[in-house]
């Protein structure tokens, strides 16, 4: 099994999409996995889920399980498959259930306040 570590992310974290705040949380989780950048997972309750649409995309991670994807819908565009969630994660990473992570890019930023 991979050496995945999950801990409470310090402070307040935000997701901005197209300049608008999509999520803000003091209860985010930070997941560290060797060979990858740390990822911040946001609780669903702290995300404006009305701006996310589930897609048909699925991927599989042998350490975390099957990921489901979401597109972010802004006033001017749809950012395809820019968020993901493990709906039924493996027991070793069960803490990320009910959380979403975001792919940073030109229109999506994940930042600590």
Protein backbone atom coordinates (compact mmCIF):
# COMPACT_ATOMS: atom_id res chain seq x y z
CA UNK A 1 0.00 0.00 0.00
CA UNK A 2 1.16 3.48 -0.79
CA UNK A 3 2.24 5.76 2.06
CA UNK A 4 -0.76 8.07 1.83
CA UNK A 5 -1.18 10.51 4.71
CA UNK A 6 -4.29 12.54 5.42
CA UNK A 7 -4.38 15.37 7.94
CA UNK A 8 -6.47 18.42 8.64
CA UNK A 9 -5.26 21.27 6.44
CA UNK A 10 -4.12 24.22 8.55
CA UNK A 11 -6.10 27.43 8.32
CA UNK A 12 -8.76 28.42 5.79
CA UNK A 13 -8.70 27.22 2.19
CA UNK A 14 -10.61 28.52 -0.82
CA UNK A 15 -11.33 27.43 -4.37
CA UNK A 16 -11.80 30.18 -6.93
CA UNK A 17 -13.24 29.39 -10.34
CA UNK A 18 -13.35 32.13 -12.94
CA UNK A 19 -12.65 34.65 -10.16
CA UNK A 20 -15.62 33.61 -7.98
CA UNK A 21 -15.23 31.76 -4.67
CA UNK A 22 -16.63 28.25 -5.17
CA UNK A 23 -15.57 26.83 -1.80
CA UNK A 24 -14.21 28.08 1.50
CA UNK A 25 -13.37 25.78 4.38
CA UNK A 26 -11.64 25.61 7.72
CA UNK A 27 -12.24 21.83 7.66
CA UNK A 28 -10.31 20.90 4.52
CA UNK A 29 -8.09 17.83 4.48
CA UNK A 30 -4.58 17.63 3.02
CA UNK A 31 -3.67 14.35 1.33
CA UNK A 32 -0.01 13.53 0.74
CA UNK A 33 0.98 10.70 -1.58
CA UNK A 34 4.59 9.96 -2.60
CA UNK A 35 5.35 11.12 -6.14
CA UNK A 36 2.43 13.59 -6.27
CA UNK A 37 1.79 17.14 -5.10
CA UNK A 38 -0.27 17.45 -1.92
CA UNK A 39 -3.99 17.74 -2.63
CA UNK A 40 -6.55 19.70 -0.62
CA UNK A 41 -9.93 17.99 -0.24
CA UNK A 42 -12.92 20.20 0.62
CA UNK A 43 -16.00 18.98 2.51
CA UNK A 44 -19.11 19.05 0.30
CA UNK A 45 -20.89 21.22 2.87
CA UNK A 46 -18.33 23.98 2.24
CA UNK A 47 -18.67 23.90 -1.58
CA UNK A 48 -21.27 25.71 -3.71
CA UNK A 49 -22.37 22.38 -5.22
CA UNK A 50 -25.01 24.13 -7.38
CA UNK A 51 -22.12 25.15 -9.67
CA UNK A 52 -20.88 21.58 -10.13
CA UNK A 53 -22.35 19.04 -12.53
CA UNK A 54 -21.49 15.35 -12.24
CA UNK A 55 -19.94 13.90 -15.42
CA UNK A 56 -19.55 10.37 -16.76
CA UNK A 57 -15.76 10.39 -16.27
CA UNK A 58 -14.36 7.78 -13.87
CA UNK A 59 -10.79 6.86 -12.98
CA UNK A 60 -9.36 4.22 -10.69
CA UNK A 61 -6.56 4.57 -8.14
CA UNK A 62 -5.33 1.31 -6.61
CA UNK A 63 -4.76 3.10 -3.29
CA UNK A 64 -7.87 5.29 -3.03
CA UNK A 65 -10.55 3.62 -5.18
CA UNK A 66 -12.78 4.90 -7.98
CA UNK A 67 -13.00 8.65 -8.58
CA UNK A 68 -16.09 10.41 -9.95
CA UNK A 69 -15.69 13.76 -11.71
CA UNK A 70 -17.55 17.07 -11.83
CA UNK A 71 -17.49 20.04 -14.18
CA UNK A 72 -17.63 23.58 -12.83
CA UNK A 73 -20.27 25.71 -14.52
CA UNK A 74 -19.52 29.44 -14.45
CA UNK A 75 -21.46 32.27 -16.11
CA UNK A 76 -19.10 32.30 -19.08
CA UNK A 77 -17.94 28.68 -19.46
CA UNK A 78 -18.00 25.09 -18.31
CA UNK A 79 -14.73 23.78 -16.90
CA UNK A 80 -14.93 20.09 -17.80
CA UNK A 81 -13.94 17.45 -15.23
CA UNK A 82 -12.17 19.91 -12.93
CA UNK A 83 -13.19 18.35 -9.62
CA UNK A 84 -13.23 14.80 -8.36
CA UNK A 85 -14.45 12.79 -5.42
CA UNK A 86 -14.02 9.28 -4.10
CA UNK A 87 -17.61 8.31 -3.28
CA UNK A 88 -16.59 4.99 -1.71
CA UNK A 89 -12.86 5.31 -0.93
CA UNK A 90 -10.79 2.41 0.36
CA UNK A 91 -10.78 2.06 4.17
CA UNK A 92 -7.21 3.41 4.46
CA UNK A 93 -8.35 6.78 3.05
CA UNK A 94 -11.95 6.79 4.32
CA UNK A 95 -11.53 10.34 5.68
CA UNK A 96 -11.81 11.79 2.14
CA UNK A 97 -15.34 10.43 1.67
CA UNK A 98 -17.74 13.35 1.23
CA UNK A 99 -14.92 15.62 0.04
CA UNK A 100 -13.95 17.01 -3.38
CA UNK A 101 -10.59 18.01 -4.79
CA UNK A 102 -9.98 20.41 -7.67
CA UNK A 103 -7.60 20.47 -10.63
CA UNK A 104 -5.82 23.81 -10.62
CA UNK A 105 -5.34 25.60 -13.91
CA UNK A 106 -5.94 28.84 -15.78
CA UNK A 107 -9.44 29.24 -14.33
CA UNK A 108 -9.29 27.29 -11.05
CA UNK A 109 -7.15 28.21 -8.03
CA UNK A 110 -6.86 26.44 -4.66
CA UNK A 111 -5.38 28.78 -2.08
CA UNK A 112 -4.78 29.08 1.64
CA UNK A 113 -6.05 32.37 3.05
